[in-house]
Amino acid sequence: MEIMTAAANPASPAAPSERTRVRRGAANAQYDLATLHAIIDDAYLCHIAFADDKGSHCIPTACWREDGHMYIHGSNGSRMLKRLTESETCVTITHLDGLVLARSAFNHSMNYRSAMIYGRFEVVSDEGDRHRSLEAFMEKLAPGRQAQVRPGNDKEYAATTIMRIPLDEAACKVRTGGPNDDDEDLQWPVWSGVLPWARTPMAPQRDTACTVEDPDYVRNWQCSTTTQS
């Protein structure tokens, strides 16, 4: 596979730390907050790496962003959430935007947007902030739904841990465009180009016991589009 070689973003600031400086495929590196925020905001899931006495783990979990932090939540008994307060971690998000087919097998690539976030999670302990954060998460999933669902009760909130990680130390990589073939391969008689890829919302599936009229966020679900860089 080709190491990504799209043009560098001259407006991107410098890497915030040595461990976030992209070395492989550095021309694709972007360190600006706008790119980072857009990648997180377009994600429903992130992957969190951590280690404990049983080894190394990488677990997918739901995520959302508020201002300069990325948030996650889970059960108080979660092994991962307990471990995240004890050491630093690395969080990753990747969006695939297309398969790039070159004339040479070793020049094939992918168009994508990715982010790596380093740091340590902290527990959101203020009860008002906890309620507001979970409401923000619901609004990300389905704008307008928070006002319609049964609110969480004290027992449910007490059993839930909410954590956040600052976005101060992060790096993004973005690849766009077509194949980068070697000059000597340009006459090779094979199709080359990009096979675009995007998430596609499917038709909503009504619960058999549901008698409520479809709200706007359901009616508009298939009209939503994935943001592409």
C-alpha atoms as a PDB file:
ATOM      1  CA  MET A   1       0.000   0.000   0.000  1.00  0.00           C
ATOM      2  CA  GLU A   2       1.143   3.515  -0.794  1.00  0.00           C
ATOM      3  CA  ILE A   3       2.274   5.655   2.108  1.00  0.00           C
ATOM      4  CA  MET A   4      -0.069   8.637   1.872  1.00  0.00           C
ATOM      5  CA  THR A   5       1.537  11.526   0.013  1.00  0.00           C
ATOM      6  CA  ALA A   6      -1.154  14.145  -0.518  1.00  0.00           C
ATOM      7  CA  ALA A   7      -0.026  17.759  -0.369  1.00  0.00           C
ATOM      8  CA  ALA A   8       0.653  19.194   3.069  1.00  0.00           C
ATOM      9  CA  ASN A   9      -1.692  21.774   4.535  1.00  0.00           C
ATOM     10  CA  PRO A  10       0.425  24.925   4.754  1.00  0.00           C
ATOM     11  CA  ALA A  11      -2.059  26.553   7.142  1.00  0.00           C
ATOM     12  CA  SER A  12      -1.813  23.749   9.699  1.00  0.00           C
ATOM     13  CA  PRO A  13       0.046  24.692  12.902  1.00  0.00           C
ATOM     14  CA  ALA A  14       2.946  22.713  14.297  1.00  0.00           C
ATOM     15  CA  ALA A  15       2.448  19.452  16.166  1.00  0.00           C
ATOM     16  CA  PRO A  16       1.435  20.145  19.789  1.00  0.00           C
ATOM     17  CA  SER A  17       3.982  17.635  21.128  1.00  0.00           C
ATOM     18  CA  GLU A  18       6.763  15.350  19.984  1.00  0.00           C
ATOM     19  CA  ARG A  19       4.636  12.217  20.263  1.00  0.00           C
ATOM     20  CA  THR A  20       1.916  13.731  18.066  1.00  0.00           C
ATOM     21  CA  ARG A  21       4.315  14.781  15.311  1.00  0.00           C
ATOM     22  CA  VAL A  22       3.461  12.674  12.264  1.00  0.00           C
ATOM     23  CA  ARG A  23       6.568  11.111  10.777  1.00  0.00           C
ATOM     24  CA  ARG A  24       5.208   8.574   8.286  1.00  0.00           C
ATOM     25  CA  GLY A  25       3.183  10.273   5.589  1.00  0.00           C
ATOM     26  CA  ALA A  26       3.911  13.625   7.221  1.00  0.00           C
ATOM     27  CA  ALA A  27       2.539  15.534   4.206  1.00  0.00           C
ATOM     28  CA  ASN A  28      -0.941  14.429   5.284  1.00  0.00           C
ATOM     29  CA  ALA A  29      -0.595  15.730   8.833  1.00  0.00           C
ATOM     30  CA  GLN A  30      -2.984  18.408  10.066  1.00  0.00           C
ATOM     31  CA  TYR A  31      -2.830  19.833  13.570  1.00  0.00           C
ATOM     32  CA  ASP A  32      -5.487  22.554  13.461  1.00  0.00           C
ATOM     33  CA  LEU A  33      -8.452  22.366  15.816  1.00  0.00           C
ATOM     34  CA  ALA A  34     -11.031  22.840  13.061  1.00  0.00           C
ATOM     35  CA  THR A  35      -9.969  19.598  11.374  1.00  0.00           C
ATOM     36  CA  LEU A  36      -9.816  17.743  14.693  1.00  0.00           C
ATOM     37  CA  HIS A  37     -13.245  18.949  15.779  1.00  0.00           C
ATOM     38  CA  ALA A  38     -14.796  18.047  12.417  1.00  0.00           C
ATOM     39  CA  ILE A  39     -13.442  14.493  12.582  1.00  0.00           C
ATOM     40  CA  ILE A  40     -14.759  13.968  16.120  1.00  0.00           C
ATOM     41  CA  ASP A  41     -18.113  15.556  15.337  1.00  0.00           C
ATOM     42  CA  ASP A  42     -18.572  13.211  12.374  1.00  0.00           C
ATOM     43  CA  ALA A  43     -17.954  10.143  14.566  1.00  0.00           C
ATOM     44  CA  TYR A  44     -20.315   8.048  16.635  1.00  0.00           C
ATOM     45  CA  LEU A  45     -17.512   5.764  17.864  1.00  0.00           C
ATOM     46  CA  CYS A  46     -13.892   6.066  18.901  1.00  0.00           C
ATOM     47  CA  HIS A  47     -11.342   3.418  19.884  1.00  0.00           C
ATOM     48  CA  ILE A  48      -9.520   3.733  23.209  1.00  0.00           C
ATOM     49  CA  ALA A  49      -6.242   1.931  23.917  1.00  0.00           C
ATOM     50  CA  PHE A  50      -5.187   1.052  27.455  1.00  0.00           C
ATOM     51  CA  ALA A  51      -3.315  -1.619  29.374  1.00  0.00           C
ATOM     52  CA  ASP A  52      -3.937  -3.441  32.625  1.00  0.00           C
ATOM     53  CA  ASP A  53      -2.643  -6.557  34.384  1.00  0.00           C
ATOM     54  CA  LYS A  54      -4.312  -8.724  31.725  1.00  0.00           C
ATOM     55  CA  GLY A  55      -2.499  -7.054  28.817  1.00  0.00           C
ATOM     56  CA  SER A  56      -3.209  -4.405  26.198  1.00  0.00           C
ATOM     57  CA  HIS A  57      -6.706  -3.605  24.979  1.00  0.00           C
ATOM     58  CA  CYS A  58      -8.386  -1.369  22.401  1.00  0.00           C
ATOM     59  CA  ILE A  59     -12.111  -0.917  22.951  1.00  0.00           C
ATOM     60  CA  PRO A  60     -14.677   0.912  20.784  1.00  0.00           C
ATOM     61  CA  THR A  61     -17.045   3.219  22.598  1.00  0.00           C
ATOM     62  CA  ALA A  62     -19.493   6.023  21.839  1.00  0.00           C
ATOM     63  CA  CYS A  63     -18.076   9.542  21.906  1.00  0.00           C
ATOM     64  CA  TRP A  64     -19.081  13.154  21.520  1.00  0.00           C
ATOM     65  CA  ARG A  65     -17.412  16.557  21.727  1.00  0.00           C
ATOM     66  CA  GLU A  66     -18.148  19.639  23.774  1.00  0.00           C
ATOM     67  CA  ASP A  67     -15.868  22.603  23.139  1.00  0.00           C
ATOM     68  CA  GLY A  68     -12.278  21.497  23.850  1.00  0.00           C
ATOM     69  CA  HIS A  69     -13.010  18.022  25.247  1.00  0.00           C
ATOM     70  CA  MET A  70     -14.105  14.646  23.925  1.00  0.00           C
ATOM     71  CA  TYR A  71     -16.537  12.757  26.174  1.00  0.00           C
ATOM     72  CA  ILE A  72     -17.354   9.103  26.796  1.00  0.00           C
ATOM     73  CA  HIS A  73     -19.630   7.346  29.278  1.00  0.00           C
ATOM     74  CA  GLY A  74     -20.248   3.897  30.687  1.00  0.00           C
ATOM     75  CA  SER A  75     -21.084   1.784  33.693  1.00  0.00           C
ATOM     76  CA  ASN A  76     -19.354   2.526  36.982  1.00  0.00           C
ATOM     77  CA  GLY A  77     -18.083  -1.049  36.896  1.00  0.00           C
ATOM     78  CA  SER A  78     -16.344  -0.688  33.534  1.00  0.00           C
ATOM     79  CA  ARG A  79     -12.792  -2.005  33.628  1.00  0.00           C
ATOM     80  CA  MET A  80     -11.758   0.481  30.955  1.00  0.00           C
ATOM     81  CA  LEU A  81     -13.230   3.540  32.686  1.00  0.00           C
ATOM     82  CA  LYS A  82     -11.540   2.634  35.961  1.00  0.00           C
ATOM     83  CA  ARG A  83      -8.188   2.196  34.225  1.00  0.00           C
ATOM     84  CA  LEU A  84      -8.408   5.442  32.277  1.00  0.00           C
ATOM     85  CA  THR A  85      -8.185   7.507  35.447  1.00  0.00           C
ATOM     86  CA  GLU A  86      -4.878   5.858  36.357  1.00  0.00           C
ATOM     87  CA  SER A  87      -2.757   6.432  33.262  1.00  0.00           C
ATOM     88  CA  GLU A  88      -2.565   8.207  29.941  1.00  0.00           C
ATOM     89  CA  THR A  89      -4.191   6.772  26.864  1.00  0.00           C
ATOM     90  CA  CYS A  90      -4.494   7.130  23.112  1.00  0.00           C
ATOM     91  CA  VAL A  91      -7.860   7.601  21.393  1.00  0.00           C
ATOM     92  CA  THR A  92      -8.312   7.085  17.648  1.00  0.00           C
ATOM     93  CA  ILE A  93     -11.047   7.899  15.141  1.00  0.00           C
ATOM     94  CA  THR A  94     -10.978   7.037  11.431  1.00  0.00           C
ATOM     95  CA  HIS A  95     -13.388   7.795   8.591  1.00  0.00           C
ATOM     96  CA  LEU A  96     -12.877   5.945   5.301  1.00  0.00           C
ATOM     97  CA  ASP A  97     -13.739   8.131   2.279  1.00  0.00           C
ATOM     98  CA  GLY A  98     -12.606   5.972  -0.620  1.00  0.00           C
ATOM     99  CA  LEU A  99     -10.374   3.253  -2.062  1.00  0.00           C
ATOM    100  CA  VAL A 100      -7.648   4.639  -4.318  1.00  0.00           C
ATOM    101  CA  LEU A 101      -6.777   2.174  -7.092  1.00  0.00           C
ATOM    102  CA  ALA A 102      -3.433   2.789  -8.732  1.00  0.00           C
ATOM    103  CA  ARG A 103      -1.783   1.053 -11.672  1.00  0.00           C
ATOM    104  CA  SER A 104       0.691  -0.649  -9.379  1.00  0.00           C
ATOM    105  CA  ALA A 105      -0.359  -2.888  -6.509  1.00  0.00           C
ATOM    106  CA  PHE A 106       2.096  -1.127  -4.211  1.00  0.00           C
ATOM    107  CA  ASN A 107       0.724   2.348  -4.989  1.00  0.00           C
ATOM    108  CA  HIS A 108      -2.862   1.604  -3.974  1.00  0.00           C
ATOM    109  CA  SER A 109      -4.090   3.794  -1.137  1.00  0.00           C
ATOM    110  CA  MET A 110      -7.158   5.033   0.706  1.00  0.00           C
ATOM    111  CA  ASN A 111      -8.744   8.424   1.164  1.00  0.00           C
ATOM    112  CA  TYR A 112      -9.514   8.965   4.823  1.00  0.00           C
ATOM    113  CA  ARG A 113      -9.721  11.343   7.770  1.00  0.00           C
ATOM    114  CA  SER A 114      -8.194  10.212  11.057  1.00  0.00           C
ATOM    115  CA  ALA A 115      -7.365  11.607  14.479  1.00  0.00           C
ATOM    116  CA  MET A 116      -5.209  10.474  17.393  1.00  0.00           C
ATOM    117  CA  ILE A 117      -5.739  12.073  20.794  1.00  0.00           C
ATOM    118  CA  TYR A 118      -3.291  11.664  23.684  1.00  0.00           C
ATOM    119  CA  GLY A 119      -3.828  12.474  27.335  1.00  0.00           C
ATOM    120  CA  ARG A 120      -5.610  11.367  30.463  1.00  0.00           C
ATOM    121  CA  PHE A 121      -9.340  11.144  30.992  1.00  0.00           C
ATOM    122  CA  GLU A 122     -10.935  12.826  33.980  1.00  0.00           C
ATOM    123  CA  VAL A 123     -14.256  12.014  35.624  1.00  0.00           C
ATOM    124  CA  VAL A 124     -17.010  14.596  35.251  1.00  0.00           C
ATOM    125  CA  SER A 125     -18.218  14.804  38.856  1.00  0.00           C
ATOM    126  CA  ASP A 126     -20.430  17.884  39.004  1.00  0.00           C
ATOM    127  CA  GLU A 127     -24.004  16.638  38.849  1.00  0.00           C
ATOM    128  CA  GLY A 128     -25.213  19.521  36.721  1.00  0.00           C
ATOM    129  CA  ASP A 129     -22.401  18.974  34.226  1.00  0.00           C
ATOM    130  CA  ARG A 130     -23.147  15.246  34.139  1.00  0.00           C
ATOM    131  CA  HIS A 131     -26.778  15.842  33.197  1.00  0.00           C
ATOM    132  CA  ARG A 132     -25.874  18.470  30.619  1.00  0.00           C
ATOM    133  CA  SER A 133     -23.212  16.258  29.017  1.00  0.00           C
ATOM    134  CA  LEU A 134     -25.514  13.275  28.558  1.00  0.00           C
ATOM    135  CA  GLU A 135     -28.177  15.583  27.151  1.00  0.00           C
ATOM    136  CA  ALA A 136     -25.603  16.899  24.659  1.00  0.00           C
ATOM    137  CA  PHE A 137     -24.805  13.300  23.696  1.00  0.00           C
ATOM    138  CA  MET A 138     -28.483  12.576  23.042  1.00  0.00           C
ATOM    139  CA  GLU A 139     -28.772  15.714  20.932  1.00  0.00           C
ATOM    140  CA  LYS A 140     -25.825  14.585  18.836  1.00  0.00           C
ATOM    141  CA  LEU A 141     -27.451  11.207  18.187  1.00  0.00           C
ATOM    142  CA  ALA A 142     -30.884  12.628  17.343  1.00  0.00           C
ATOM    143  CA  PRO A 143     -31.405  16.411  17.569  1.00  0.00           C
ATOM    144  CA  GLY A 144     -34.648  17.125  19.390  1.00  0.00           C
ATOM    145  CA  ARG A 145     -34.998  13.703  21.007  1.00  0.00           C
ATOM    146  CA  GLN A 146     -33.798  14.743  24.473  1.00  0.00           C
ATOM    147  CA  ALA A 147     -37.016  16.709  24.997  1.00  0.00           C
ATOM    148  CA  GLN A 148     -39.125  13.641  24.129  1.00  0.00           C
ATOM    149  CA  VAL A 149     -37.536  10.688  25.930  1.00  0.00           C
ATOM    150  CA  ARG A 150     -38.068   9.712  29.558  1.00  0.00           C
ATOM    151  CA  PRO A 151     -35.390  11.562  31.541  1.00  0.00           C
ATOM    152  CA  GLY A 152     -32.811   9.514  33.380  1.00  0.00           C
ATOM    153  CA  ASN A 153     -33.568   8.921  37.045  1.00  0.00           C
ATOM    154  CA  ASP A 154     -31.256   9.288  40.031  1.00  0.00           C
ATOM    155  CA  LYS A 155     -30.419   5.571  40.077  1.00  0.00           C
ATOM    156  CA  GLU A 156     -29.448   5.558  36.397  1.00  0.00           C
ATOM    157  CA  TYR A 157     -27.253   8.635  36.733  1.00  0.00           C
ATOM    158  CA  ALA A 158     -25.625   7.238  39.882  1.00  0.00           C
ATOM    159  CA  ALA A 159     -24.667   4.059  37.995  1.00  0.00           C
ATOM    160  CA  THR A 160     -23.079   5.992  35.098  1.00  0.00           C
ATOM    161  CA  THR A 161     -19.560   7.378  34.824  1.00  0.00           C
ATOM    162  CA  ILE A 162     -18.922  10.263  32.441  1.00  0.00           C
ATOM    163  CA  MET A 163     -15.359  11.052  31.443  1.00  0.00           C
ATOM    164  CA  ARG A 164     -13.653  13.584  29.220  1.00  0.00           C
ATOM    165  CA  ILE A 165     -10.234  14.076  27.690  1.00  0.00           C
ATOM    166  CA  PRO A 166      -8.786  17.435  26.596  1.00  0.00           C
ATOM    167  CA  LEU A 167      -8.067  17.937  22.898  1.00  0.00           C
ATOM    168  CA  ASP A 168      -4.828  19.838  23.475  1.00  0.00           C
ATOM    169  CA  GLU A 169      -2.553  17.013  22.311  1.00  0.00           C
ATOM    170  CA  ALA A 170      -3.773  15.514  19.071  1.00  0.00           C
ATOM    171  CA  ALA A 171      -2.813  14.909  15.454  1.00  0.00           C
ATOM    172  CA  CYS A 172      -4.919  14.388  12.349  1.00  0.00           C
ATOM    173  CA  LYS A 173      -4.090  12.805   9.010  1.00  0.00           C
ATOM    174  CA  VAL A 174      -6.167  13.424   5.913  1.00  0.00           C
ATOM    175  CA  ARG A 175      -5.720  11.907   2.458  1.00  0.00           C
ATOM    176  CA  THR A 176      -7.746  13.060  -0.571  1.00  0.00           C
ATOM    177  CA  GLY A 177      -7.421  12.798  -4.340  1.00  0.00           C
ATOM    178  CA  GLY A 178      -6.511  10.162  -6.864  1.00  0.00           C
ATOM    179  CA  PRO A 179      -3.675   7.674  -7.225  1.00  0.00           C
ATOM    180  CA  ASN A 180      -0.017   8.671  -7.208  1.00  0.00           C
ATOM    181  CA  ASP A 181       1.418   6.399  -9.880  1.00  0.00           C
ATOM    182  CA  ASP A 182       5.058   6.154 -10.838  1.00  0.00           C
ATOM    183  CA  ASP A 183       5.756   7.625 -14.259  1.00  0.00           C
ATOM    184  CA  GLU A 184       6.802   4.253 -15.639  1.00  0.00           C
ATOM    185  CA  ASP A 185       3.411   2.776 -14.668  1.00  0.00           C
ATOM    186  CA  LEU A 186       1.187   5.372 -16.354  1.00  0.00           C
ATOM    187  CA  GLN A 187       0.821   3.332 -19.540  1.00  0.00           C
ATOM    188  CA  TRP A 188      -0.076   0.100 -17.749  1.00  0.00           C
ATOM    189  CA  PRO A 189      -3.490  -1.013 -19.164  1.00  0.00           C
ATOM    190  CA  VAL A 190      -5.561  -1.178 -15.955  1.00  0.00           C
ATOM    191  CA  TRP A 191      -8.365   0.962 -14.537  1.00  0.00           C
ATOM    192  CA  SER A 192      -7.199   3.553 -12.025  1.00  0.00           C
ATOM    193  CA  GLY A 193      -9.084   6.075  -9.921  1.00  0.00           C
ATOM    194  CA  VAL A 194     -11.092   6.309  -6.719  1.00  0.00           C
ATOM    195  CA  LEU A 195     -13.956   4.156  -5.457  1.00  0.00           C
ATOM    196  CA  PRO A 196     -15.692   6.640  -3.111  1.00  0.00           C
ATOM    197  CA  TRP A 197     -17.070   5.404   0.178  1.00  0.00           C
ATOM    198  CA  ALA A 198     -19.519   6.995   2.620  1.00  0.00           C
ATOM    199  CA  ARG A 199     -21.850   5.992   5.428  1.00  0.00           C
ATOM    200  CA  THR A 200     -25.374   5.637   4.094  1.00  0.00           C
ATOM    201  CA  PRO A 201     -28.347   6.145   6.428  1.00  0.00           C
ATOM    202  CA  MET A 202     -30.925   3.405   5.900  1.00  0.00           C
ATOM    203  CA  ALA A 203     -34.709   3.612   6.235  1.00  0.00           C
ATOM    204  CA  PRO A 204     -35.863   3.896   9.888  1.00  0.00           C
ATOM    205  CA  GLN A 205     -37.360   0.713  11.335  1.00  0.00           C
ATOM    206  CA  ARG A 206     -40.366   1.405  13.571  1.00  0.00           C
ATOM    207  CA  ASP A 207     -40.739  -0.657  16.723  1.00  0.00           C
ATOM    208  CA  THR A 208     -43.845  -2.835  16.437  1.00  0.00           C
ATOM    209  CA  ALA A 209     -45.296  -1.350  19.642  1.00  0.00           C
ATOM    210  CA  CYS A 210     -44.602   2.272  18.646  1.00  0.00           C
ATOM    211  CA  THR A 211     -47.696   4.352  17.822  1.00  0.00           C
ATOM    212  CA  VAL A 212     -46.064   7.801  17.901  1.00  0.00           C
ATOM    213  CA  GLU A 213     -45.827   9.880  14.730  1.00  0.00           C
ATOM    214  CA  ASP A 214     -42.334  10.085  13.231  1.00  0.00           C
ATOM    215  CA  PRO A 215     -40.480  13.127  14.624  1.00  0.00           C
ATOM    216  CA  ASP A 216     -38.305  15.330  12.420  1.00  0.00           C
ATOM    217  CA  TYR A 217     -35.064  13.525  13.262  1.00  0.00           C
ATOM    218  CA  VAL A 218     -36.606  10.255  12.046  1.00  0.00           C
ATOM    219  CA  ARG A 219     -38.197  11.729   8.920  1.00  0.00           C
ATOM    220  CA  ASN A 220     -34.921  13.449   8.042  1.00  0.00           C
ATOM    221  CA  TRP A 221     -32.660  10.495   8.856  1.00  0.00           C
ATOM    222  CA  GLN A 222     -32.131   9.358   5.272  1.00  0.00           C
ATOM    223  CA  CYS A 223     -31.592  12.955   4.160  1.00  0.00           C
ATOM    224  CA  SER A 224     -28.579  13.330   6.444  1.00  0.00           C
ATOM    225  CA  THR A 225     -25.163  13.206   4.851  1.00  0.00           C
ATOM    226  CA  THR A 226     -21.680  12.404   6.102  1.00  0.00           C
ATOM    227  CA  THR A 227     -19.342  15.388   6.100  1.00  0.00           C
ATOM    228  CA  GLN A 228     -16.469  14.847   3.706  1.00  0.00           C
ATOM    229  CA  SER A 229     -13.199  16.736   3.744  1.00  0.00           C
END
